[in-house]
Every structure is written in structure tokens, then in C-alpha cells.
């Protein structure tokens, strides 16, 4: 544990990050709020900033845009690519499309659920991993497929999955 001057530096740095994020949020909202048809883009930018869409950001967007928060929440919950819960440092996507499923995707998913003690759609307690099930990652000829963030791992087996997890 840090003490004295060092801990106050950390607190100041953290506070500056919060202020910067708040300012950036204002910039995002102001740059899109008056442009017709730009709501989805503003929500994407907010999610890019925080890694998810905080409820507090939805409230600010609602106030500025005069769109009811309930309507914004309806939009966010409709699109699968939006999230109102924080994601893990690494997002693991297990393909369960037909080819991946037939070639062992379910075994890979069950292994990850057990190994990470994590259900799909959830984030680990330590914030390291989020687990998602997707319908296709576009690599059907190389199934089963798992993507961790933007890195795609093909022809996965349980042993190969163990090795991949060790890299993270």
C-alpha cells in the first residue's frame, strides 16, 4: 500500500482521469446531439470512451438531447453491441455458429465457464475477463473459433484453449 505523497499523487491522477472522461463525454454529446440521425454514433463513442455505456452518461445524453432516458435505454438494450455493464479487460467470444458448434464449440464454452467461473454475458470478479457467445465470427472453415478482443484463435481444442488462456 502506498502512503504519504505517493498516495496523494495517485488520487490526483485518478481525479484527473475522471475529469478528462467527463470533459470528453461532454464533447461527444455536444458534437452529436444536434445532428439528425447521429444517436447511434454518439452511443458508440460513449461506449468507446468508457468500455460500456454508464447510466450516468445516458442521463446526460438524455438531458442534452431531450430524448427520454427510457427511450435511450430501449435503444441500448435493442442493439447487441451496446453494453451498460463494464466489460472485462479481455472479452472472450466463443462462436456457437453451426460449424463451430458441431466441431466442439460447446465443449470450449463449457471449459471456459468452468475455468473462469463465469457465465456468458458476465464479467469475472477481478475484472479480467468477459465471456460472450456469438453466432458467427466468419471463420467457419477453421472452426471451432474463439476471439479474445480482436485476436481470433482457430481450430480450438481444450488443450489449445488452456494454452491461449495462459497468455492472458
N, C-alpha and C. Protein backbone atom coordinates (compact mmCIF):
# COMPACT_ATOMS: atom_id res chain seq x y z
N UNK A 1 0.84 -1.18 0.00
CA UNK A 1 0.00 0.00 0.00
C UNK A 1 0.88 1.24 0.00
N UNK A 2 0.55 2.20 -0.82
CA UNK A 2 1.32 3.43 -0.90
C UNK A 2 0.86 4.39 0.18
N UNK A 3 1.80 5.18 0.69
CA UNK A 3 1.47 6.13 1.75
C UNK A 3 2.04 7.49 1.42
N UNK A 4 1.62 8.48 2.19
CA UNK A 4 2.19 9.81 2.09
C UNK A 4 1.98 10.44 0.73
N UNK A 5 3.04 11.09 0.24
CA UNK A 5 2.96 11.82 -1.02
C UNK A 5 2.58 10.93 -2.20
N UNK A 6 3.10 9.71 -2.21
CA UNK A 6 2.82 8.82 -3.34
C UNK A 6 1.33 8.55 -3.50
N UNK A 7 0.62 8.30 -2.39
CA UNK A 7 -0.81 8.01 -2.50
C UNK A 7 -1.58 9.24 -2.95
N UNK A 8 -1.17 10.43 -2.53
CA UNK A 8 -1.88 11.63 -2.98
C UNK A 8 -1.67 11.85 -4.48
N UNK A 9 -0.52 11.47 -5.00
CA UNK A 9 -0.29 11.57 -6.45
C UNK A 9 -1.23 10.65 -7.20
N UNK A 10 -1.41 9.46 -6.67
CA UNK A 10 -2.32 8.51 -7.32
C UNK A 10 -3.75 9.05 -7.29
N UNK A 11 -4.17 9.61 -6.17
CA UNK A 11 -5.51 10.16 -6.08
C UNK A 11 -5.70 11.31 -7.06
N UNK A 12 -4.72 12.18 -7.20
CA UNK A 12 -4.80 13.29 -8.13
C UNK A 12 -4.87 12.78 -9.56
N UNK A 13 -4.06 11.80 -9.89
CA UNK A 13 -4.07 11.23 -11.23
C UNK A 13 -5.43 10.62 -11.54
N UNK A 14 -5.99 9.89 -10.59
CA UNK A 14 -7.30 9.29 -10.78
C UNK A 14 -8.35 10.37 -10.98
N UNK A 15 -8.30 11.41 -10.18
CA UNK A 15 -9.26 12.50 -10.31
C UNK A 15 -9.14 13.18 -11.66
N UNK A 16 -7.90 13.37 -12.14
CA UNK A 16 -7.71 13.97 -13.45
C UNK A 16 -8.31 13.09 -14.54
N UNK A 17 -8.17 11.77 -14.42
CA UNK A 17 -8.76 10.86 -15.41
C UNK A 17 -10.28 11.00 -15.42
N UNK A 18 -10.87 11.11 -14.23
CA UNK A 18 -12.32 11.28 -14.15
C UNK A 18 -12.75 12.58 -14.81
N UNK A 19 -12.01 13.66 -14.54
CA UNK A 19 -12.32 14.96 -15.13
C UNK A 19 -12.17 14.90 -16.64
N UNK A 20 -11.09 14.29 -17.12
CA UNK A 20 -10.88 14.16 -18.56
C UNK A 20 -12.00 13.35 -19.22
N UNK A 21 -12.42 12.27 -18.58
CA UNK A 21 -13.50 11.45 -19.13
C UNK A 21 -14.80 12.25 -19.17
N UNK A 22 -15.05 13.01 -18.12
CA UNK A 22 -16.26 13.83 -18.06
C UNK A 22 -16.24 14.89 -19.16
N UNK A 23 -15.09 15.52 -19.36
CA UNK A 23 -14.97 16.52 -20.42
C UNK A 23 -15.14 15.88 -21.80
N UNK A 24 -14.54 14.73 -21.99
CA UNK A 24 -14.66 14.03 -23.27
C UNK A 24 -16.11 13.63 -23.53
N UNK A 25 -16.80 13.19 -22.48
CA UNK A 25 -18.22 12.85 -22.61
C UNK A 25 -19.02 14.06 -23.07
N UNK A 26 -18.76 15.21 -22.46
CA UNK A 26 -19.44 16.45 -22.87
C UNK A 26 -19.17 16.76 -24.34
N UNK A 27 -17.91 16.59 -24.76
CA UNK A 27 -17.55 16.84 -26.16
C UNK A 27 -18.31 15.91 -27.09
N UNK A 28 -18.38 14.64 -26.72
CA UNK A 28 -19.09 13.66 -27.55
C UNK A 28 -20.56 14.05 -27.67
N UNK A 29 -21.18 14.30 -26.54
CA UNK A 29 -22.61 14.64 -26.55
C UNK A 29 -22.85 15.90 -27.37
N UNK A 30 -22.04 16.93 -27.13
CA UNK A 30 -22.23 18.20 -27.85
C UNK A 30 -21.96 18.08 -29.35
N UNK A 31 -21.06 17.20 -29.74
CA UNK A 31 -20.75 17.08 -31.17
C UNK A 31 -21.80 16.30 -31.94
N UNK A 32 -22.61 15.51 -31.26
CA UNK A 32 -23.61 14.70 -31.96
C UNK A 32 -25.06 15.07 -31.66
N UNK A 33 -25.30 15.73 -30.54
CA UNK A 33 -26.67 15.89 -30.07
C UNK A 33 -27.57 16.65 -31.04
N UNK A 34 -27.02 17.56 -31.81
CA UNK A 34 -27.87 18.36 -32.70
C UNK A 34 -27.83 17.88 -34.15
N UNK A 35 -27.19 16.76 -34.39
CA UNK A 35 -27.12 16.22 -35.75
C UNK A 35 -28.17 15.12 -35.91
N UNK A 36 -29.11 15.30 -36.81
CA UNK A 36 -30.13 14.27 -37.01
C UNK A 36 -29.50 12.93 -37.40
N UNK A 37 -30.02 11.86 -36.83
CA UNK A 37 -29.56 10.53 -37.17
C UNK A 37 -28.23 10.13 -36.56
N UNK A 38 -27.75 10.89 -35.59
CA UNK A 38 -26.42 10.61 -35.04
C UNK A 38 -26.46 9.95 -33.66
N UNK A 39 -27.62 9.54 -33.22
CA UNK A 39 -27.76 8.97 -31.88
C UNK A 39 -26.92 7.71 -31.70
N UNK A 40 -26.98 6.80 -32.65
CA UNK A 40 -26.21 5.55 -32.54
C UNK A 40 -24.72 5.85 -32.49
N UNK A 41 -24.27 6.80 -33.31
CA UNK A 41 -22.85 7.16 -33.31
C UNK A 41 -22.45 7.75 -31.96
N UNK A 42 -23.29 8.57 -31.37
CA UNK A 42 -22.94 9.14 -30.06
C UNK A 42 -22.87 8.04 -29.00
N UNK A 43 -23.78 7.09 -29.05
CA UNK A 43 -23.74 5.97 -28.10
C UNK A 43 -22.48 5.13 -28.31
N UNK A 44 -22.09 4.92 -29.56
CA UNK A 44 -20.85 4.17 -29.85
C UNK A 44 -19.63 4.89 -29.28
N UNK A 45 -19.58 6.21 -29.46
CA UNK A 45 -18.45 6.99 -28.96
C UNK A 45 -18.40 6.96 -27.44
N UNK A 46 -19.56 7.01 -26.80
CA UNK A 46 -19.61 6.93 -25.33
C UNK A 46 -19.09 5.57 -24.88
N UNK A 47 -19.52 4.52 -25.55
CA UNK A 47 -19.05 3.18 -25.20
C UNK A 47 -17.54 3.04 -25.45
N UNK A 48 -17.05 3.64 -26.51
CA UNK A 48 -15.60 3.62 -26.77
C UNK A 48 -14.84 4.31 -25.65
N UNK A 49 -15.40 5.38 -25.12
CA UNK A 49 -14.74 6.14 -24.06
C UNK A 49 -14.63 5.35 -22.76
N UNK A 50 -15.73 4.70 -22.36
CA UNK A 50 -15.77 4.03 -21.06
C UNK A 50 -15.60 2.51 -21.13
N UNK A 51 -15.78 1.93 -22.31
CA UNK A 51 -15.77 0.48 -22.44
C UNK A 51 -17.16 -0.11 -22.28
N UNK A 52 -18.10 0.71 -21.91
CA UNK A 52 -19.52 0.37 -21.79
C UNK A 52 -20.26 1.70 -21.72
N UNK A 53 -21.59 1.68 -21.59
CA UNK A 53 -22.35 2.92 -21.51
C UNK A 53 -22.87 3.08 -20.08
N UNK A 54 -22.21 3.93 -19.29
CA UNK A 54 -22.68 4.14 -17.92
C UNK A 54 -24.07 4.79 -17.90
N UNK A 55 -24.87 4.44 -16.92
CA UNK A 55 -26.20 5.03 -16.78
C UNK A 55 -26.09 6.54 -16.64
N UNK A 56 -25.06 7.01 -15.93
CA UNK A 56 -24.87 8.46 -15.76
C UNK A 56 -24.67 9.15 -17.11
N UNK A 57 -23.99 8.49 -18.04
CA UNK A 57 -23.78 9.05 -19.38
C UNK A 57 -25.10 9.07 -20.15
N UNK A 58 -25.92 8.03 -19.99
CA UNK A 58 -27.24 8.02 -20.63
C UNK A 58 -28.09 9.17 -20.12
N UNK A 59 -28.01 9.43 -18.82
CA UNK A 59 -28.78 10.54 -18.24
C UNK A 59 -28.34 11.88 -18.82
N UNK A 60 -27.01 12.08 -18.95
CA UNK A 60 -26.50 13.33 -19.53
C UNK A 60 -26.95 13.47 -20.98
N UNK A 61 -26.87 12.38 -21.74
CA UNK A 61 -27.30 12.41 -23.13
C UNK A 61 -28.79 12.70 -23.21
N UNK A 62 -29.56 12.13 -22.31
CA UNK A 62 -31.00 12.37 -22.27
C UNK A 62 -31.30 13.84 -22.01
N UNK A 63 -30.60 14.43 -21.05
CA UNK A 63 -30.82 15.84 -20.72
C UNK A 63 -30.51 16.74 -21.91
N UNK A 64 -29.38 16.50 -22.56
CA UNK A 64 -28.95 17.36 -23.68
C UNK A 64 -29.82 17.15 -24.92
N UNK A 65 -30.18 15.91 -25.20
CA UNK A 65 -30.90 15.60 -26.44
C UNK A 65 -32.41 15.73 -26.30
N UNK A 66 -32.87 15.82 -25.06
CA UNK A 66 -34.31 15.87 -24.77
C UNK A 66 -35.01 14.56 -25.17
N UNK A 67 -34.24 13.49 -25.27
CA UNK A 67 -34.79 12.16 -25.53
C UNK A 67 -34.94 11.49 -24.17
N UNK A 68 -36.11 10.97 -23.84
CA UNK A 68 -36.28 10.34 -22.52
C UNK A 68 -35.26 9.22 -22.30
N UNK A 69 -34.76 9.14 -21.08
CA UNK A 69 -33.77 8.12 -20.73
C UNK A 69 -34.31 6.72 -21.01
N UNK A 70 -35.61 6.53 -20.81
CA UNK A 70 -36.21 5.21 -21.07
C UNK A 70 -36.11 4.84 -22.55
N UNK A 71 -36.25 5.84 -23.42
CA UNK A 71 -36.13 5.58 -24.86
C UNK A 71 -34.67 5.25 -25.22
N UNK A 72 -33.73 5.98 -24.63
CA UNK A 72 -32.31 5.69 -24.86
C UNK A 72 -31.98 4.28 -24.38
N UNK A 73 -32.51 3.92 -23.22
CA UNK A 73 -32.26 2.59 -22.68
C UNK A 73 -32.84 1.52 -23.60
N UNK A 74 -33.98 1.79 -24.20
CA UNK A 74 -34.57 0.87 -25.16
C UNK A 74 -33.67 0.65 -26.36
N UNK A 75 -33.06 1.73 -26.83
CA UNK A 75 -32.14 1.64 -27.97
C UNK A 75 -30.90 0.84 -27.59
N UNK A 76 -30.33 1.16 -26.43
CA UNK A 76 -29.12 0.48 -25.97
C UNK A 76 -29.37 -1.01 -25.77
N UNK A 77 -30.52 -1.35 -25.22
CA UNK A 77 -30.81 -2.77 -24.97
C UNK A 77 -31.18 -3.52 -26.25
N UNK A 78 -31.63 -2.80 -27.27
CA UNK A 78 -32.01 -3.44 -28.54
C UNK A 78 -30.78 -3.92 -29.31
N UNK A 79 -29.74 -3.10 -29.35
CA UNK A 79 -28.55 -3.44 -30.13
C UNK A 79 -27.58 -4.27 -29.30
N UNK A 80 -27.18 -5.42 -29.83
CA UNK A 80 -26.32 -6.35 -29.09
C UNK A 80 -24.93 -5.79 -28.82
N UNK A 81 -24.49 -4.84 -29.61
CA UNK A 81 -23.12 -4.34 -29.45
C UNK A 81 -22.99 -3.28 -28.36
N UNK A 82 -24.12 -2.86 -27.77
CA UNK A 82 -24.05 -1.92 -26.65
C UNK A 82 -24.12 -2.68 -25.33
N UNK A 83 -23.45 -2.15 -24.33
CA UNK A 83 -23.47 -2.76 -23.00
C UNK A 83 -23.56 -1.68 -21.94
N UNK A 84 -24.38 -1.92 -20.92
CA UNK A 84 -24.47 -0.98 -19.80
C UNK A 84 -23.72 -1.52 -18.58
N UNK A 85 -23.05 -2.64 -18.77
CA UNK A 85 -22.22 -3.17 -17.68
C UNK A 85 -20.76 -3.15 -18.12
N UNK A 86 -19.88 -2.86 -17.18
CA UNK A 86 -18.46 -2.81 -17.53
C UNK A 86 -17.98 -4.16 -18.06
N UNK A 87 -17.15 -4.11 -19.07
CA UNK A 87 -16.56 -5.31 -19.65
C UNK A 87 -15.23 -5.59 -18.98
N UNK A 88 -14.81 -6.83 -19.07
CA UNK A 88 -13.50 -7.21 -18.55
C UNK A 88 -12.38 -6.63 -19.40
N UNK A 89 -11.19 -6.73 -18.87
CA UNK A 89 -10.03 -6.24 -19.62
C UNK A 89 -9.93 -6.97 -20.96
N UNK A 90 -10.28 -8.26 -20.96
CA UNK A 90 -10.29 -9.07 -22.18
C UNK A 90 -11.70 -9.63 -22.38
N UNK A 91 -12.20 -9.51 -23.60
CA UNK A 91 -13.50 -10.07 -23.93
C UNK A 91 -13.30 -11.33 -24.76
N UNK A 92 -13.78 -12.44 -24.23
CA UNK A 92 -13.67 -13.73 -24.91
C UNK A 92 -15.00 -14.02 -25.59
N UNK A 93 -14.95 -14.20 -26.91
CA UNK A 93 -16.15 -14.52 -27.68
C UNK A 93 -16.01 -15.95 -28.21
N UNK A 94 -16.95 -16.79 -27.82
CA UNK A 94 -16.95 -18.18 -28.28
C UNK A 94 -18.01 -18.30 -29.37
N UNK A 95 -17.58 -18.74 -30.54
CA UNK A 95 -18.51 -18.91 -31.65
C UNK A 95 -19.34 -20.17 -31.43
N UNK A 96 -20.66 -20.00 -31.57
CA UNK A 96 -21.56 -21.15 -31.47
C UNK A 96 -22.39 -21.27 -32.75
N UNK A 97 -21.84 -20.75 -33.85
CA UNK A 97 -22.47 -20.96 -35.15
C UNK A 97 -22.47 -22.45 -35.47
N UNK A 98 -23.18 -22.85 -36.50
CA UNK A 98 -23.35 -24.27 -36.80
C UNK A 98 -22.03 -25.03 -36.89
N UNK A 99 -21.10 -24.54 -37.68
CA UNK A 99 -19.83 -25.24 -37.86
C UNK A 99 -19.05 -25.34 -36.55
N UNK A 100 -18.96 -24.24 -35.83
CA UNK A 100 -18.22 -24.25 -34.56
C UNK A 100 -18.91 -25.14 -33.52
N UNK A 101 -20.23 -25.10 -33.50
CA UNK A 101 -20.97 -25.93 -32.55
C UNK A 101 -20.71 -27.41 -32.82
N UNK A 102 -20.84 -27.80 -34.09
CA UNK A 102 -20.66 -29.20 -34.47
C UNK A 102 -19.24 -29.68 -34.18
N UNK A 103 -18.26 -28.79 -34.31
CA UNK A 103 -16.86 -29.19 -34.14
C UNK A 103 -16.33 -28.94 -32.72
N UNK A 104 -17.21 -28.69 -31.77
CA UNK A 104 -16.77 -28.63 -30.38
C UNK A 104 -16.87 -27.29 -29.68
N UNK A 105 -17.56 -26.35 -30.26
CA UNK A 105 -17.71 -25.03 -29.64
C UNK A 105 -18.32 -25.09 -28.25
N UNK A 106 -19.29 -25.99 -28.08
CA UNK A 106 -19.94 -26.11 -26.77
C UNK A 106 -18.95 -26.63 -25.72
N UNK A 107 -18.08 -27.55 -26.09
CA UNK A 107 -17.05 -28.04 -25.15
C UNK A 107 -16.12 -26.91 -24.74
N UNK A 108 -15.74 -26.08 -25.71
CA UNK A 108 -14.86 -24.93 -25.42
C UNK A 108 -15.58 -23.98 -24.46
N UNK A 109 -16.84 -23.69 -24.75
CA UNK A 109 -17.61 -22.79 -23.89
C UNK A 109 -17.72 -23.35 -22.48
N UNK A 110 -18.07 -24.62 -22.35
CA UNK A 110 -18.18 -25.22 -21.01
C UNK A 110 -16.85 -25.22 -20.27
N UNK A 111 -15.76 -25.44 -20.99
CA UNK A 111 -14.43 -25.37 -20.37
C UNK A 111 -14.17 -23.96 -19.83
N UNK A 112 -14.47 -22.95 -20.64
CA UNK A 112 -14.23 -21.57 -20.21
C UNK A 112 -15.12 -21.19 -19.03
N UNK A 113 -16.37 -21.64 -19.05
CA UNK A 113 -17.27 -21.35 -17.93
C UNK A 113 -16.71 -21.93 -16.64
N UNK A 114 -16.21 -23.15 -16.71
CA UNK A 114 -15.66 -23.81 -15.52
C UNK A 114 -14.33 -23.19 -15.11
N UNK A 115 -13.45 -23.00 -16.07
CA UNK A 115 -12.10 -22.49 -15.80
C UNK A 115 -12.13 -21.06 -15.23
N UNK A 116 -13.00 -20.23 -15.81
CA UNK A 116 -13.07 -18.82 -15.40
C UNK A 116 -14.14 -18.57 -14.34
N UNK A 117 -14.92 -19.61 -14.03
CA UNK A 117 -16.05 -19.47 -13.10
C UNK A 117 -16.93 -18.29 -13.54
N UNK A 118 -17.37 -18.40 -14.78
CA UNK A 118 -18.02 -17.26 -15.43
C UNK A 118 -19.10 -17.73 -16.40
N UNK A 119 -20.24 -17.10 -16.36
CA UNK A 119 -21.31 -17.40 -17.29
C UNK A 119 -21.27 -16.40 -18.46
N UNK A 120 -21.76 -16.80 -19.63
CA UNK A 120 -21.81 -15.87 -20.76
C UNK A 120 -22.59 -14.61 -20.41
N UNK A 121 -22.08 -13.49 -20.88
CA UNK A 121 -22.72 -12.20 -20.59
C UNK A 121 -22.24 -11.57 -19.30
N UNK A 122 -21.35 -12.24 -18.60
CA UNK A 122 -20.86 -11.74 -17.31
C UNK A 122 -19.38 -11.40 -17.39
N UNK A 123 -18.93 -10.69 -16.35
CA UNK A 123 -17.52 -10.31 -16.22
C UNK A 123 -16.99 -10.91 -14.94
N UNK A 124 -15.75 -11.39 -14.99
CA UNK A 124 -15.15 -12.01 -13.80
C UNK A 124 -15.02 -10.98 -12.68
N UNK A 125 -15.02 -11.48 -11.44
CA UNK A 125 -14.95 -10.61 -10.28
C UNK A 125 -13.72 -9.73 -10.28
N UNK A 126 -12.61 -10.24 -10.81
CA UNK A 126 -11.38 -9.45 -10.85
C UNK A 126 -11.35 -8.48 -12.04
N UNK A 127 -12.40 -8.50 -12.87
CA UNK A 127 -12.48 -7.59 -14.00
C UNK A 127 -11.58 -7.95 -15.16
N UNK A 128 -11.01 -9.13 -15.14
CA UNK A 128 -10.06 -9.52 -16.18
C UNK A 128 -10.75 -10.00 -17.46
N UNK A 129 -11.80 -10.82 -17.32
CA UNK A 129 -12.43 -11.42 -18.49
C UNK A 129 -13.93 -11.17 -18.53
N UNK A 130 -14.44 -10.99 -19.74
CA UNK A 130 -15.87 -11.06 -20.02
C UNK A 130 -16.05 -12.21 -21.00
N UNK A 131 -17.13 -12.95 -20.84
CA UNK A 131 -17.39 -14.10 -21.69
C UNK A 131 -18.67 -13.87 -22.48
N UNK A 132 -18.58 -14.05 -23.79
CA UNK A 132 -19.73 -13.86 -24.66
C UNK A 132 -19.87 -15.03 -25.62
N UNK A 133 -21.10 -15.32 -25.98
CA UNK A 133 -21.40 -16.31 -27.01
C UNK A 133 -21.83 -15.53 -28.24
N UNK A 134 -21.24 -15.86 -29.39
CA UNK A 134 -21.62 -15.20 -30.64
C UNK A 134 -22.05 -16.26 -31.64
N UNK A 135 -22.77 -15.84 -32.66
CA UNK A 135 -23.30 -16.80 -33.63
C UNK A 135 -22.35 -17.07 -34.78
N UNK A 136 -21.46 -16.15 -35.13
CA UNK A 136 -20.50 -16.43 -36.20
C UNK A 136 -19.39 -15.39 -36.16
N UNK A 137 -18.17 -15.85 -36.27
CA UNK A 137 -17.02 -14.96 -36.33
C UNK A 137 -16.43 -14.93 -37.74
N UNK A 138 -17.10 -15.59 -38.67
CA UNK A 138 -16.69 -15.54 -40.07
C UNK A 138 -15.51 -16.42 -40.44
N UNK A 139 -15.23 -17.41 -39.62
CA UNK A 139 -14.10 -18.33 -39.90
C UNK A 139 -14.58 -19.77 -39.88
N UNK A 140 -15.72 -20.03 -40.50
CA UNK A 140 -16.36 -21.34 -40.40
C UNK A 140 -15.45 -22.49 -40.83
N UNK A 141 -14.60 -22.28 -41.80
CA UNK A 141 -13.70 -23.32 -42.28
C UNK A 141 -12.58 -23.65 -41.30
N UNK A 142 -12.45 -22.84 -40.24
CA UNK A 142 -11.38 -23.02 -39.26
C UNK A 142 -11.94 -23.29 -37.87
N UNK A 143 -13.15 -23.81 -37.81
CA UNK A 143 -13.84 -23.99 -36.54
C UNK A 143 -13.26 -25.14 -35.71
N UNK A 144 -13.50 -25.12 -34.40
CA UNK A 144 -14.18 -24.07 -33.64
C UNK A 144 -13.29 -22.85 -33.42
N UNK A 145 -13.94 -21.69 -33.29
CA UNK A 145 -13.24 -20.42 -33.23
C UNK A 145 -13.57 -19.68 -31.93
N UNK A 146 -12.54 -19.06 -31.36
CA UNK A 146 -12.68 -18.20 -30.18
C UNK A 146 -11.93 -16.92 -30.48
N UNK A 147 -12.53 -15.77 -30.17
CA UNK A 147 -11.84 -14.49 -30.31
C UNK A 147 -11.64 -13.89 -28.93
N UNK A 148 -10.44 -13.41 -28.68
CA UNK A 148 -10.17 -12.67 -27.45
C UNK A 148 -9.79 -11.28 -27.90
N UNK A 149 -10.66 -10.35 -27.56
CA UNK A 149 -10.61 -9.00 -28.11
C UNK A 149 -10.61 -9.12 -29.63
N UNK A 150 -9.61 -8.63 -30.31
CA UNK A 150 -9.60 -8.68 -31.77
C UNK A 150 -8.77 -9.84 -32.32
N UNK A 151 -8.19 -10.65 -31.45
CA UNK A 151 -7.36 -11.77 -31.90
C UNK A 151 -8.21 -13.03 -32.01
N UNK A 152 -8.23 -13.60 -33.21
CA UNK A 152 -9.05 -14.79 -33.48
C UNK A 152 -8.17 -16.03 -33.36
N UNK A 153 -8.66 -17.00 -32.60
CA UNK A 153 -7.97 -18.28 -32.41
C UNK A 153 -8.80 -19.36 -33.09
N UNK A 154 -8.18 -20.12 -33.98
CA UNK A 154 -8.92 -21.08 -34.80
C UNK A 154 -8.56 -22.52 -34.45
N UNK A 155 -9.43 -23.41 -34.92
CA UNK A 155 -9.25 -24.86 -34.70
C UNK A 155 -8.96 -25.16 -33.23
N UNK A 156 -9.79 -24.61 -32.38
CA UNK A 156 -9.56 -24.71 -30.94
C UNK A 156 -9.87 -26.11 -30.41
N UNK A 157 -9.05 -26.51 -29.46
CA UNK A 157 -9.27 -27.73 -28.68
C UNK A 157 -9.17 -27.29 -27.23
N UNK A 158 -9.49 -28.18 -26.31
CA UNK A 158 -9.38 -27.82 -24.89
C UNK A 158 -7.93 -27.52 -24.53
N UNK A 159 -6.99 -28.33 -25.02
CA UNK A 159 -5.58 -28.09 -24.73
C UNK A 159 -5.11 -26.76 -25.31
N UNK A 160 -5.53 -26.48 -26.53
CA UNK A 160 -5.14 -25.22 -27.16
C UNK A 160 -5.74 -24.03 -26.39
N UNK A 161 -6.98 -24.20 -25.92
CA UNK A 161 -7.64 -23.13 -25.16
C UNK A 161 -6.90 -22.87 -23.86
N UNK A 162 -6.45 -23.94 -23.19
CA UNK A 162 -5.65 -23.78 -21.96
C UNK A 162 -4.41 -22.92 -22.23
N UNK A 163 -3.73 -23.24 -23.31
CA UNK A 163 -2.52 -22.50 -23.68
C UNK A 163 -2.80 -21.04 -24.00
N UNK A 164 -3.89 -20.80 -24.70
CA UNK A 164 -4.26 -19.43 -25.04
C UNK A 164 -4.56 -18.63 -23.77
N UNK A 165 -5.31 -19.22 -22.85
CA UNK A 165 -5.64 -18.52 -21.60
C UNK A 165 -4.40 -18.12 -20.81
N UNK A 166 -3.37 -18.96 -20.86
CA UNK A 166 -2.13 -18.66 -20.13
C UNK A 166 -1.46 -17.40 -20.65
N UNK A 167 -1.75 -17.03 -21.89
CA UNK A 167 -1.17 -15.81 -22.46
C UNK A 167 -1.78 -14.55 -21.87
N UNK A 168 -2.90 -14.70 -21.21
CA UNK A 168 -3.61 -13.56 -20.65
C UNK A 168 -3.56 -13.64 -19.15
